[in-house]
Amino acid sequence: MDVEISSVGGVSPDSPLGKALLGAKVGDEVVVAAPQGEWRTKVIAVGR
């Protein structure tokens, strides 16, 4: 899944996914605390 973190369009940095991904680096495993329960994902690439 490609995710763009942005205040205008994309995933909000204040959302559970945005909060989990901010500051993450390639290879990091992040835990997303979503309303339906938490899930884990691994960062495989970071672009600008």
PDB file of N, CA and C in Angstrom:
ATOM      1  N   MET A   1       0.847  -1.156   0.000  1.00  0.00           N
ATOM      2  CA  MET A   1       0.000   0.000   0.000  1.00  0.00           C
ATOM      3  C   MET A   1       0.895   1.222   0.000  1.00  0.00           C
ATOM      4  N   ASP A   2       0.646   2.151  -0.893  1.00  0.00           N
ATOM      5  CA  ASP A   2       1.339   3.436  -0.900  1.00  0.00           C
ATOM      6  C   ASP A   2       0.540   4.408  -0.045  1.00  0.00           C
ATOM      7  N   VAL A   3       1.235   5.150   0.812  1.00  0.00           N
ATOM      8  CA  VAL A   3       0.562   6.097   1.694  1.00  0.00           C
ATOM      9  C   VAL A   3       1.251   7.445   1.588  1.00  0.00           C
ATOM     10  N   GLU A   4       0.470   8.500   1.380  1.00  0.00           N
ATOM     11  CA  GLU A   4       0.995   9.860   1.394  1.00  0.00           C
ATOM     12  C   GLU A   4       0.464  10.541   2.650  1.00  0.00           C
ATOM     13  N   ILE A   5       1.375  11.010   3.502  1.00  0.00           N
ATOM     14  CA  ILE A   5       0.971  11.706   4.717  1.00  0.00           C
ATOM     15  C   ILE A   5       0.951  13.190   4.411  1.00  0.00           C
ATOM     16  N   SER A   6      -0.237  13.782   4.524  1.00  0.00           N
ATOM     17  CA  SER A   6      -0.422  15.177   4.143  1.00  0.00           C
ATOM     18  C   SER A   6      -1.628  15.743   4.868  1.00  0.00           C
ATOM     19  N   SER A   7      -1.566  17.011   5.236  1.00  0.00           N
ATOM     20  CA  SER A   7      -2.716  17.675   5.841  1.00  0.00           C
ATOM     21  C   SER A   7      -3.788  17.979   4.802  1.00  0.00           C
ATOM     22  N   VAL A   8      -3.379  18.011   3.524  1.00  0.00           N
ATOM     23  CA  VAL A   8      -4.312  18.299   2.437  1.00  0.00           C
ATOM     24  C   VAL A   8      -4.282  17.110   1.475  1.00  0.00           C
ATOM     25  N   GLY A   9      -5.257  16.237   1.552  1.00  0.00           N
ATOM     26  CA  GLY A   9      -5.269  15.030   0.732  1.00  0.00           C
ATOM     27  C   GLY A   9      -4.349  13.988   1.323  1.00  0.00           C
ATOM     28  N   GLY A  10      -4.587  12.754   1.050  1.00  0.00           N
ATOM     29  CA  GLY A  10      -3.770  11.684   1.602  1.00  0.00           C
ATOM     30  C   GLY A  10      -4.154  11.372   3.031  1.00  0.00           C
ATOM     31  N   VAL A  11      -3.257  10.776   3.765  1.00  0.00           N
ATOM     32  CA  VAL A  11      -3.488  10.372   5.153  1.00  0.00           C
ATOM     33  C   VAL A  11      -3.078  11.512   6.082  1.00  0.00           C
ATOM     34  N   SER A  12      -3.969  11.898   6.959  1.00  0.00           N
ATOM     35  CA  SER A  12      -3.682  12.975   7.905  1.00  0.00           C
ATOM     36  C   SER A  12      -2.602  12.540   8.890  1.00  0.00           C
ATOM     37  N   PRO A  13      -1.681  13.440   9.226  1.00  0.00           N
ATOM     38  CA  PRO A  13      -0.666  13.097  10.232  1.00  0.00           C
ATOM     39  C   PRO A  13      -1.284  12.892  11.621  1.00  0.00           C
ATOM     40  N   ASP A  14      -2.534  13.315  11.806  1.00  0.00           N
ATOM     41  CA  ASP A  14      -3.213  13.124  13.094  1.00  0.00           C
ATOM     42  C   ASP A  14      -4.004  11.819  13.159  1.00  0.00           C
ATOM     43  N   SER A  15      -4.101  11.105  12.043  1.00  0.00           N
ATOM     44  CA  SER A  15      -4.824   9.833  12.016  1.00  0.00           C
ATOM     45  C   SER A  15      -3.969   8.746  12.669  1.00  0.00           C
ATOM     46  N   PRO A  16      -4.579   7.627  13.057  1.00  0.00           N
ATOM     47  CA  PRO A  16      -3.785   6.535  13.640  1.00  0.00           C
ATOM     48  C   PRO A  16      -2.647   6.071  12.727  1.00  0.00           C
ATOM     49  N   LEU A  17      -2.919   5.945  11.420  1.00  0.00           N
ATOM     50  CA  LEU A  17      -1.869   5.516  10.485  1.00  0.00           C
ATOM     51  C   LEU A  17      -0.796   6.577  10.349  1.00  0.00           C
ATOM     52  N   GLY A  18      -1.196   7.836  10.213  1.00  0.00           N
ATOM     53  CA  GLY A  18      -0.226   8.927  10.102  1.00  0.00           C
ATOM     54  C   GLY A  18       0.669   9.016  11.326  1.00  0.00           C
ATOM     55  N   LYS A  19       0.081   8.915  12.508  1.00  0.00           N
ATOM     56  CA  LYS A  19       0.867   8.969  13.750  1.00  0.00           C
ATOM     57  C   LYS A  19       1.866   7.827  13.820  1.00  0.00           C
ATOM     58  N   ALA A  20       1.446   6.637  13.406  1.00  0.00           N
ATOM     59  CA  ALA A  20       2.330   5.467  13.463  1.00  0.00           C
ATOM     60  C   ALA A  20       3.501   5.591  12.486  1.00  0.00           C
ATOM     61  N   LEU A  21       3.260   6.203  11.315  1.00  0.00           N
ATOM     62  CA  LEU A  21       4.295   6.265  10.284  1.00  0.00           C
ATOM     63  C   LEU A  21       5.235   7.456  10.407  1.00  0.00           C
ATOM     64  N   LEU A  22       4.800   8.537  11.039  1.00  0.00           N
ATOM     65  CA  LEU A  22       5.664   9.714  11.150  1.00  0.00           C
ATOM     66  C   LEU A  22       6.956   9.364  11.885  1.00  0.00           C
ATOM     67  N   GLY A  23       8.060   9.650  11.252  1.00  0.00           N
ATOM     68  CA  GLY A  23       9.365   9.384  11.847  1.00  0.00           C
ATOM     69  C   GLY A  23       9.878   7.971  11.617  1.00  0.00           C
ATOM     70  N   ALA A  24       9.066   7.117  11.009  1.00  0.00           N
ATOM     71  CA  ALA A  24       9.502   5.737  10.756  1.00  0.00           C
ATOM     72  C   ALA A  24      10.517   5.707   9.618  1.00  0.00           C
ATOM     73  N   LYS A  25      11.419   4.750   9.692  1.00  0.00           N
ATOM     74  CA  LYS A  25      12.459   4.583   8.675  1.00  0.00           C
ATOM     75  C   LYS A  25      12.284   3.235   7.991  1.00  0.00           C
ATOM     76  N   VAL A  26      12.921   3.075   6.848  1.00  0.00           N
ATOM     77  CA  VAL A  26      12.875   1.811   6.119  1.00  0.00           C
ATOM     78  C   VAL A  26      13.330   0.688   7.046  1.00  0.00           C
ATOM     79  N   GLY A  27      12.552  -0.380   7.074  1.00  0.00           N
ATOM     80  CA  GLY A  27      12.859  -1.531   7.917  1.00  0.00           C
ATOM     81  C   GLY A  27      12.146  -1.513   9.258  1.00  0.00           C
ATOM     82  N   ASP A  28      11.620  -0.347   9.646  1.00  0.00           N
ATOM     83  CA  ASP A  28      10.888  -0.251  10.918  1.00  0.00           C
ATOM     84  C   ASP A  28       9.561  -0.989  10.815  1.00  0.00           C
ATOM     85  N   GLU A  29       9.182  -1.646  11.890  1.00  0.00           N
ATOM     86  CA  GLU A  29       7.842  -2.210  12.009  1.00  0.00           C
ATOM     87  C   GLU A  29       7.051  -1.251  12.880  1.00  0.00           C
ATOM     88  N   VAL A  30       5.897  -0.819  12.405  1.00  0.00           N
ATOM     89  CA  VAL A  30       5.082   0.122  13.163  1.00  0.00           C
ATOM     90  C   VAL A  30       3.780  -0.552  13.579  1.00  0.00           C
ATOM     91  N   VAL A  31       3.245  -0.114  14.700  1.00  0.00           N
ATOM     92  CA  VAL A  31       1.966  -0.602  15.197  1.00  0.00           C
ATOM     93  C   VAL A  31       0.951   0.517  15.027  1.00  0.00           C
ATOM     94  N   VAL A  32      -0.125   0.209  14.334  1.00  0.00           N
ATOM     95  CA  VAL A  32      -1.186   1.185  14.088  1.00  0.00           C
ATOM     96  C   VAL A  32      -2.327   0.882  15.054  1.00  0.00           C
ATOM     97  N   ALA A  33      -2.625   1.847  15.930  1.00  0.00           N
ATOM     98  CA  ALA A  33      -3.698   1.694  16.908  1.00  0.00           C
ATOM     99  C   ALA A  33      -4.991   2.222  16.296  1.00  0.00           C
ATOM    100  N   ALA A  34      -5.692   1.370  15.553  1.00  0.00           N
ATOM    101  CA  ALA A  34      -6.925   1.759  14.864  1.00  0.00           C
ATOM    102  C   ALA A  34      -8.140   1.482  15.753  1.00  0.00           C
ATOM    103  N   PRO A  35      -9.260   2.145  15.471  1.00  0.00           N
ATOM    104  CA  PRO A  35     -10.471   1.937  16.268  1.00  0.00           C
ATOM    105  C   PRO A  35     -10.945   0.476  16.307  1.00  0.00           C
ATOM    106  N   GLN A  36     -10.713  -0.277  15.239  1.00  0.00           N
ATOM    107  CA  GLN A  36     -11.143  -1.682  15.183  1.00  0.00           C
ATOM    108  C   GLN A  36     -10.103  -2.637  15.774  1.00  0.00           C
ATOM    109  N   GLY A  37      -9.027  -2.108  16.332  1.00  0.00           N
ATOM    110  CA  GLY A  37      -7.948  -2.932  16.887  1.00  0.00           C
ATOM    111  C   GLY A  37      -6.632  -2.596  16.229  1.00  0.00           C
ATOM    112  N   GLU A  38      -5.538  -2.954  16.886  1.00  0.00           N
ATOM    113  CA  GLU A  38      -4.233  -2.586  16.330  1.00  0.00           C
ATOM    114  C   GLU A  38      -3.764  -3.598  15.302  1.00  0.00           C
ATOM    115  N   TRP A  39      -2.904  -3.115  14.386  1.00  0.00           N
ATOM    116  CA  TRP A  39      -2.285  -3.969  13.385  1.00  0.00           C
ATOM    117  C   TRP A  39      -0.867  -3.483  13.141  1.00  0.00           C
ATOM    118  N   ARG A  40      -0.041  -4.351  12.604  1.00  0.00           N
ATOM    119  CA  ARG A  40       1.379  -4.049  12.376  1.00  0.00           C
ATOM    120  C   ARG A  40       1.679  -4.040  10.885  1.00  0.00           C
ATOM    121  N   THR A  41       2.627  -3.210  10.533  1.00  0.00           N
ATOM    122  CA  THR A  41       3.095  -3.176   9.152  1.00  0.00           C
ATOM    123  C   THR A  41       4.581  -2.812   9.146  1.00  0.00           C
ATOM    124  N   LYS A  42       5.250  -3.109   8.077  1.00  0.00           N
ATOM    125  CA  LYS A  42       6.683  -2.819   7.954  1.00  0.00           C
ATOM    126  C   LYS A  42       6.887  -1.775   6.857  1.00  0.00           C
ATOM    127  N   VAL A  43       7.746  -0.805   7.127  1.00  0.00           N
ATOM    128  CA  VAL A  43       8.067   0.247   6.157  1.00  0.00           C
ATOM    129  C   VAL A  43       9.106  -0.322   5.188  1.00  0.00           C
ATOM    130  N   ILE A  44       8.770  -0.313   3.899  1.00  0.00           N
ATOM    131  CA  ILE A  44       9.709  -0.858   2.908  1.00  0.00           C
ATOM    132  C   ILE A  44      10.350   0.215   2.043  1.00  0.00           C
ATOM    133  N   ALA A  45       9.791   1.432   2.034  1.00  0.00           N
ATOM    134  CA  ALA A  45      10.369   2.526   1.256  1.00  0.00           C
ATOM    135  C   ALA A  45       9.828   3.850   1.789  1.00  0.00           C
ATOM    136  N   VAL A  46      10.660   4.899   1.666  1.00  0.00           N
ATOM    137  CA  VAL A  46      10.251   6.240   2.045  1.00  0.00           C
ATOM    138  C   VAL A  46      10.659   7.167   0.910  1.00  0.00           C
ATOM    139  N   GLY A  47       9.739   7.997   0.451  1.00  0.00           N
ATOM    140  CA  GLY A  47      10.039   8.931  -0.626  1.00  0.00           C
ATOM    141  C   GLY A  47       9.539  10.315  -0.268  1.00  0.00           C
ATOM    142  N   ARG A  48       9.953  11.270  -1.074  1.00  0.00           N
ATOM    143  CA  ARG A  48       9.490  12.660  -0.865  1.00  0.00           C
ATOM    144  C   ARG A  48       8.895  13.179  -2.119  1.00  0.00           C
TER     145      ARG A  48
END
